[in-house]
Protein backbone atom coordinates (compact mmCIF):
# COMPACT_ATOMS: atom_id res chain seq x y z
CA MET A 1 -21.01 16.16 6.21
CA ARG A 2 -21.90 13.50 4.22
CA ILE A 3 -19.56 11.46 2.02
CA CYS A 4 -20.00 8.59 -0.50
CA TYR A 5 -17.34 6.63 -1.19
CA LEU A 6 -16.70 4.28 -4.88
CA ALA A 7 -13.83 1.73 -2.96
CA ASP A 8 -12.64 -1.47 -2.36
CA ALA A 9 -14.63 -2.68 0.81
CA GLY A 10 -12.21 -5.17 1.25
CA SER A 11 -9.07 -3.05 1.24
CA ILE A 12 -7.39 -3.12 4.64
CA HIS A 13 -6.30 0.70 3.97
CA ILE A 14 -10.24 1.54 2.71
CA GLN A 15 -11.48 0.35 6.11
CA ARG A 16 -9.14 2.30 8.11
CA TRP A 17 -9.62 5.65 6.62
CA ILE A 18 -13.20 5.52 6.22
CA GLY A 19 -13.80 3.94 9.67
CA TYR A 20 -11.38 6.87 10.97
CA PHE A 21 -14.81 9.53 9.54
CA ALA A 22 -17.26 7.07 10.60
CA LYS A 23 -16.06 7.30 14.17
CA LYS A 24 -15.67 11.26 13.83
CA ASN A 25 -19.52 10.48 13.15
CA TYR A 26 -19.64 12.02 9.40
CA GLU A 27 -22.37 10.11 7.26
CA ILE A 28 -20.50 7.78 5.35
CA HIS A 29 -21.78 5.58 2.67
CA LEU A 30 -19.45 3.14 0.50
CA ILE A 31 -20.54 1.38 -2.78
CA SER A 32 -17.95 -0.95 -3.39
CA PHE A 33 -18.07 -4.90 -5.52
CA ARG A 34 -17.04 -6.13 -2.34
CA ASN A 35 -19.10 -7.02 0.31
CA ARG A 36 -17.49 -6.13 3.58
CA GLN A 37 -19.21 -4.31 6.67
CA ILE A 38 -17.36 -1.70 7.95
CA GLN A 39 -18.11 -0.30 11.13
CA GLY A 40 -20.37 2.86 11.45
CA VAL A 41 -20.23 2.99 7.41
CA THR A 42 -23.85 2.48 5.37
CA LEU A 43 -22.22 -0.38 2.64
CA HIS A 44 -23.74 -0.31 -1.10
CA TYR A 45 -23.00 -3.77 -2.13
CA LEU A 46 -23.17 -4.18 -5.82
CA HIS A 47 -23.16 -7.65 -7.17
CA PRO A 48 -20.63 -8.29 -9.94
CA PRO A 49 -23.06 -8.36 -12.87
CA ILE A 50 -20.53 -10.01 -14.79
CA PRO A 51 -18.62 -12.04 -12.21
CA PHE A 52 -15.46 -13.20 -14.72
CA SER A 53 -14.70 -9.84 -15.83
CA PHE A 54 -14.67 -6.79 -13.10
CA ASN A 55 -13.41 -4.36 -15.75
CA LEU A 56 -16.56 -4.73 -17.58
CA SER A 57 -18.44 -5.21 -14.31
CA TYR A 58 -17.33 -1.77 -13.27
CA ILE A 59 -18.70 -0.24 -17.16
CA PHE A 60 -22.29 -1.98 -17.12
CA SER A 61 -22.82 -0.89 -13.46
CA ILE A 62 -22.46 2.75 -14.05
CA PRO A 63 -25.80 3.61 -14.38
CA LYS A 64 -26.97 2.08 -11.33
CA ILE A 65 -24.25 3.40 -9.21
CA ARG A 66 -25.32 6.87 -11.26
CA MET A 67 -28.73 6.37 -9.54
CA MET A 68 -27.44 5.54 -5.85
CA ILE A 69 -25.06 8.52 -5.67
CA LYS A 70 -28.56 10.71 -6.45
CA GLU A 71 -30.46 8.60 -3.98
CA ILE A 72 -27.78 9.29 -1.55
CA LYS A 73 -27.19 13.22 -2.23
CA PRO A 74 -23.89 13.26 -0.77
CA ASP A 75 -21.51 16.89 0.05
CA LEU A 76 -18.77 15.19 -1.78
CA LEU A 77 -17.62 11.91 -3.89
CA HIS A 78 -14.56 10.11 -3.17
CA ALA A 79 -13.13 6.97 -5.62
CA TYR A 80 -10.05 5.38 -4.63
CA TYR A 81 -7.93 3.77 -7.94
CA ALA A 82 -8.49 5.91 -10.76
CA THR A 83 -8.69 3.41 -13.26
CA SER A 84 -11.44 1.15 -11.98
CA TYR A 85 -13.71 3.40 -9.11
CA GLY A 86 -12.29 6.74 -10.54
CA LEU A 87 -13.43 5.73 -13.89
CA ILE A 88 -17.45 4.99 -12.48
CA GLY A 89 -16.76 8.27 -10.63
CA ALA A 90 -15.83 9.93 -13.69
CA TYR A 91 -19.23 8.99 -15.72
CA CYS A 92 -21.64 9.77 -12.77
CA ASN A 93 -20.64 13.35 -13.52
CA PHE A 94 -21.21 14.38 -9.72
CA ARG A 95 -19.26 17.12 -8.13
CA PRO A 96 -16.99 17.59 -6.35
CA PHE A 97 -15.28 14.49 -7.27
CA LEU A 98 -12.06 13.37 -5.29
CA VAL A 99 -9.85 10.33 -6.85
CA THR A 100 -7.05 9.07 -4.64
CA CYS A 101 -4.18 6.96 -6.56
CA ILE A 102 -2.78 4.33 -4.79
CA GLY A 103 0.26 2.98 -6.98
CA SER A 104 -0.63 0.77 -10.06
CA ASP A 105 -3.49 2.85 -11.04
CA ILE A 106 -1.00 5.35 -12.28
CA MET A 107 2.78 3.60 -11.91
CA ILE A 108 1.76 0.84 -14.58
CA ASN A 109 -1.55 1.45 -15.84
CA LEU A 110 -0.39 4.28 -17.98
CA LYS A 111 2.63 2.03 -19.07
CA LYS A 112 0.02 -0.41 -20.21
CA PRO A 113 -1.95 -0.05 -24.01
CA ILE A 114 -3.93 2.69 -25.01
CA LEU A 115 -7.11 2.25 -23.71
CA HIS A 116 -5.81 1.60 -19.89
CA GLY A 117 -4.28 5.38 -20.49
CA TRP A 118 -7.37 6.45 -21.46
CA ILE A 119 -9.26 5.47 -18.63
CA THR A 120 -6.93 6.79 -16.37
CA LYS A 121 -6.03 10.43 -18.05
CA TYR A 122 -10.08 10.84 -18.31
CA ALA A 123 -10.44 10.02 -14.45
CA LEU A 124 -7.94 12.16 -13.07
CA ARG A 125 -9.21 15.14 -15.71
CA LYS A 126 -12.79 14.68 -14.31
CA ALA A 127 -11.79 15.42 -10.79
CA THR A 128 -12.01 18.13 -8.93
CA PHE A 129 -9.11 17.37 -6.85
CA VAL A 130 -6.53 14.57 -6.57
CA THR A 131 -4.61 13.01 -4.29
CA SER A 132 -2.17 10.34 -4.00
CA VAL A 133 -0.04 8.30 -1.62
CA SER A 134 3.61 9.21 -2.48
CA ARG A 135 5.27 12.11 -4.56
CA PRO A 136 6.77 9.39 -7.77
CA ILE A 137 3.07 9.11 -8.30
CA THR A 138 1.97 13.02 -7.90
CA GLU A 139 4.95 13.42 -10.34
CA ARG A 140 3.42 10.86 -12.95
CA ILE A 141 -0.03 12.76 -12.48
CA MET A 142 1.27 15.84 -12.65
CA GLU A 143 2.20 14.75 -16.50
CA GLN A 144 -0.84 13.95 -17.07
CA GLY A 145 -1.27 17.62 -17.33
CA ILE A 146 -3.36 18.02 -13.64
CA PRO A 147 -2.88 21.14 -12.69
CA VAL A 148 -0.84 21.26 -9.49
CA GLU A 149 -3.02 23.34 -7.70
CA ARG A 150 -5.66 20.29 -7.77
CA ILE A 151 -3.16 17.38 -6.71
CA LYS A 152 -1.54 16.77 -2.88
CA THR A 153 0.12 13.65 -1.82
CA ILE A 154 -0.96 12.15 1.19
CA PRO A 155 0.71 8.94 2.14
CA LEU A 156 -1.78 6.43 4.02
CA GLY A 157 0.21 6.33 7.03
CA VAL A 158 0.89 4.05 9.93
CA ASP A 159 -1.26 3.77 12.92
CA HIS A 160 1.28 4.93 15.63
CA GLU A 161 -0.65 2.87 18.49
CA LYS A 162 -0.11 -0.21 16.72
CA PHE A 163 3.53 0.08 15.33
CA PHE A 164 6.56 1.22 17.52
CA PRO A 165 10.01 -0.09 18.23
CA SER A 166 10.65 -2.69 20.90
CA SER A 167 11.74 -2.22 24.22
CA GLN A 168 14.05 -5.32 23.90
CA GLU A 169 17.40 -5.15 22.75
CA GLN A 170 17.33 -8.98 21.73
CA LYS A 171 15.03 -9.94 18.43
CA GLU A 172 13.68 -13.04 17.85
CA PHE A 173 13.48 -13.13 14.01
CA ASP A 174 16.39 -12.50 11.40
CA LEU A 175 14.74 -11.98 8.35
CA LEU A 176 10.95 -10.88 7.62
CA SER A 177 8.73 -10.46 4.44
CA ILE A 178 5.26 -9.44 5.48
CA ARG A 179 4.06 -8.27 1.41
CA ILE A 180 1.04 -10.99 0.18
CA LEU A 181 2.03 -13.81 -1.84
CA GLU A 182 1.24 -12.38 -5.60
CA PRO A 183 3.82 -11.99 -8.23
CA ILE A 184 4.47 -8.10 -8.26
CA TYR A 185 5.67 -8.66 -4.59
CA ASN A 186 8.59 -10.84 -6.13
CA ILE A 187 9.32 -13.24 -3.03
CA GLU A 188 11.00 -15.55 -5.39
CA THR A 189 13.99 -13.28 -5.36
CA ILE A 190 13.94 -13.10 -1.48
CA LEU A 191 14.01 -17.13 -1.43
CA LYS A 192 17.00 -17.08 -4.19
CA SER A 193 19.21 -14.43 -2.03
CA PHE A 194 18.11 -16.91 1.30
CA SER A 195 19.48 -19.86 -0.65
CA TYR A 196 22.96 -17.84 -1.82
CA LEU A 197 23.05 -17.02 1.80
CA LYS A 198 22.69 -20.49 3.36
CA LYS A 199 25.57 -21.58 1.01
CA ASP A 200 27.59 -19.01 2.55
CA GLY A 201 27.11 -20.47 6.15
CA PHE A 202 24.50 -18.20 7.14
CA GLN A 203 22.86 -19.17 10.45
CA GLY A 204 19.70 -17.08 10.51
CA LYS A 205 16.11 -17.66 9.43
CA LEU A 206 14.01 -16.43 7.33
CA VAL A 207 9.86 -15.45 8.51
CA ILE A 208 7.33 -14.91 5.43
CA ALA A 209 4.14 -13.80 7.15
CA GLY A 210 1.19 -13.44 4.29
CA GLY A 211 -1.15 -15.24 2.08
CA GLY A 212 -1.82 -15.80 -1.79
CA SER A 213 -2.04 -17.28 -4.93
CA GLN A 214 1.79 -17.88 -5.06
CA GLU A 215 1.92 -19.61 -1.77
CA ARG A 216 1.79 -23.03 -3.00
CA ARG A 217 4.50 -22.47 -5.72
CA LEU A 218 6.74 -20.24 -3.43
CA LYS A 219 6.38 -23.20 -0.79
CA LYS A 220 7.92 -26.07 -3.30
CA LEU A 221 10.46 -23.24 -4.55
CA SER A 222 11.75 -23.16 -0.86
CA ILE A 223 12.30 -27.13 -0.52
CA SER A 224 13.69 -26.88 -3.94
CA PHE A 225 16.40 -24.55 -3.09
CA GLY A 226 17.27 -26.68 0.39
CA LEU A 227 15.66 -24.47 2.81
CA SER A 228 13.54 -26.28 4.64
CA GLY A 229 13.65 -26.01 8.18
CA TYR A 230 14.77 -22.18 7.27
CA VAL A 231 12.43 -20.50 6.14
CA ASN A 232 8.74 -20.11 8.08
CA PHE A 233 5.77 -19.75 6.28
CA VAL A 234 3.35 -18.54 8.37
CA GLY A 235 0.29 -17.28 6.36
CA ALA A 236 -1.95 -14.57 6.35
CA VAL A 237 -1.30 -12.30 10.01
CA SER A 238 -3.60 -9.90 11.19
CA PRO A 239 -2.27 -6.07 11.48
CA ASP A 240 -1.87 -6.92 15.43
CA GLU A 241 0.34 -9.85 14.43
CA VAL A 242 2.29 -7.86 11.87
CA ALA A 243 3.33 -5.27 14.57
CA LYS A 244 4.35 -7.78 16.50
CA TYR A 245 6.55 -9.54 13.67
CA LEU A 246 8.30 -6.61 12.76
CA ARG A 247 9.12 -5.54 16.50
CA ALA A 248 10.70 -8.61 16.87
CA SER A 249 12.84 -8.51 13.90
CA LYS A 250 16.06 -7.56 12.70
CA ILE A 251 15.91 -6.82 8.71
CA TYR A 252 12.55 -6.51 6.92
CA LEU A 253 12.85 -7.44 3.47
CA SER A 254 10.88 -6.51 0.04
CA MET A 255 11.64 -6.81 -3.20
CA SER A 256 8.36 -5.78 -4.78
CA LEU A 257 8.48 -4.73 -8.71
CA SER A 258 5.96 -1.74 -7.89
CA ASP A 259 4.79 0.01 -4.63
CA GLY A 260 2.76 3.32 -4.98
CA ALA A 261 3.99 3.73 -1.55
CA SER A 262 4.25 0.75 0.97
CA THR A 263 2.43 0.65 3.96
CA SER A 264 4.48 -2.36 4.74
CA LEU A 265 7.69 -0.37 4.22
CA PHE A 266 6.36 2.19 6.87
CA GLU A 267 5.39 -0.13 9.44
CA ALA A 268 9.03 -1.68 9.42
CA LEU A 269 10.12 1.58 9.87
CA ALA A 270 8.21 2.60 12.66
CA CYS A 271 9.05 -0.71 14.36
CA GLY A 272 12.51 -0.56 13.75
CA ALA A 273 13.65 -3.61 11.62
CA PHE A 274 15.99 -2.63 9.10
CA PRO A 275 15.05 -2.24 5.72
CA ILE A 276 15.95 -3.91 2.67
CA VAL A 277 14.52 -3.18 -0.11
CA SER A 278 13.84 -2.82 -4.01
CA ASP A 279 15.19 0.18 -6.01
CA ILE A 280 11.91 1.77 -7.34
CA PRO A 281 10.76 5.16 -6.93
CA ALA A 282 8.31 4.46 -4.02
CA ASN A 283 11.13 3.21 -1.79
CA ARG A 284 13.67 5.99 -2.99
CA GLU A 285 10.93 8.45 -1.33
CA TRP A 286 11.50 7.33 2.32
CA ILE A 287 15.46 5.06 1.85
CA VAL A 288 18.79 6.30 1.29
CA HIS A 289 20.94 3.40 1.05
CA GLY A 290 23.71 3.46 3.08
CA GLU A 291 22.06 5.75 5.39
CA ASN A 292 18.53 4.16 6.60
CA GLY A 293 18.67 1.28 4.74
CA PHE A 294 19.57 -0.49 1.82
CA LEU A 295 18.13 -0.44 -2.12
CA VAL A 296 18.54 -3.59 -4.18
CA SER A 297 17.74 -4.14 -7.84
CA PRO A 298 14.19 -6.07 -7.53
CA LEU A 299 15.85 -8.97 -9.32
CA ASP A 300 18.93 -8.88 -7.95
CA SER A 301 19.41 -12.12 -5.75
CA ARG A 302 22.74 -11.90 -5.16
CA GLY A 303 23.08 -8.57 -4.64
CA LEU A 304 20.45 -8.65 -1.69
CA ALA A 305 22.16 -11.29 -0.32
CA ARG A 306 25.50 -9.10 0.04
CA CYS A 307 23.29 -6.07 1.65
CA VAL A 308 21.88 -8.80 4.06
CA ILE A 309 25.75 -9.79 5.09
CA GLU A 310 26.51 -6.16 4.97
CA ALA A 311 23.84 -4.72 7.79
CA PHE A 312 24.73 -7.70 9.77
CA ASN A 313 28.31 -7.17 10.04
CA ASN A 314 27.51 -3.52 10.83
CA PRO A 315 25.04 -2.88 14.03
CA SER A 316 25.70 0.36 13.87
CA LEU A 317 24.41 1.71 10.71
CA MET A 318 21.11 -0.57 11.86
CA GLU A 319 20.71 1.40 15.18
CA THR A 320 21.70 4.88 13.71
CA ALA A 321 18.93 3.88 10.72
CA THR A 322 16.63 2.62 13.81
CA ASN A 323 16.56 5.89 15.32
CA LYS A 324 16.21 8.02 11.68
CA ASN A 325 13.31 5.92 10.58
CA PHE A 326 11.19 6.44 13.79
CA GLU A 327 11.89 10.00 13.35
CA LEU A 328 11.49 9.85 9.53
CA ILE A 329 7.79 8.14 9.97
CA ARG A 330 6.91 10.25 12.88
CA ASN A 331 7.35 13.68 10.95
CA LYS A 332 5.71 12.12 7.82
CA ALA A 333 3.58 8.96 7.74
CA ILE A 334 1.49 8.83 11.18
CA LEU A 335 -1.91 7.98 9.75
CA GLN A 336 -3.89 10.77 12.34
CA LYS A 337 -1.78 13.01 10.66
CA ASN A 338 -2.71 12.43 7.12
CA LEU A 339 -6.03 11.45 7.85
CA GLU A 340 -6.35 15.18 9.06
CA GLU A 341 -5.26 16.74 6.32
CA MET A 342 -7.73 14.58 3.94
CA GLU A 343 -10.73 16.07 6.58
CA SER A 344 -9.40 19.67 5.56
CA ILE A 345 -9.19 18.82 1.86
CA TYR A 346 -12.48 17.75 1.99
CA HIS A 347 -14.32 20.58 3.80
CA LEU A 348 -12.72 22.87 1.46
CA MET A 349 -14.54 20.94 -1.66
CA ALA A 350 -17.68 21.04 0.60
CA LYS A 351 -17.61 24.56 0.22
CA GLU A 352 -17.03 24.78 -3.15
CA ARG A 353 -20.17 22.53 -4.14
């Protein structure tokens, strides 16, 4: 089978998913505005014609991409992210056409001014089939009038060979954040919360793993909160290093303002870190407050501090949650199983061509 993807070649999720099908000897073509090679994949890199605006680049590149697809002659076209690559795919008028929605393309863009909403709905309605990475996203897609028989929820999933619990009872790190340092991930609330913990005598330390545009500002903020020596910014880390940090951490923190389905959360659950995360739809699908983690209003730094103390005061809850969460991931979010489910959709779509 020959599959053509429209997606961001720089995304680790895209690299994992597309790499899986390349290893299974599918003929894989990737059309992308990001110049990143993936083993076994034929990359068709498009230099953005309007460098200062990716949105305009998407639109002006449609005729060229349409010609590329005609030359590739794929058995199916698969676009990731409805409001960018999904829009391009919709205008290419190729069938069968699959769109995968991964988060802000649905949960945020549908709330934006009319144009963004129209683009999203157009891409969804032109698709032969739609997949989403979480149940809340699927529900929003259905609200746009897409029939339920044309939608499937398939979480991104965890590589269970890399992400698994530690055999060591003693853990090196108390608190860990592994989200990238961008505004939507709201690292500032974690720092504020940690400053309250230190004022109350908390003896633990916080590790922040990840890079991003907010790194300099957040480091300055940490110093202004009096946290020098207690917060360790370790920068961007590889997936293998992420797994090591998670296995060595007691509590995983994420105060993201929005998520589609947080792979970081899945990885934390798989590695046995107790989750204290923002109370948003994507997290409520996986975390039941007080049972297998804690949910906190995204901007409630004092509430986050209280939950950290409550978790450390209740080691039996943390141990029970670790076992529950490992089973939860094994049953619902193993990458291999979810990719096999996507593969079955590919074969059904190719037959309908």
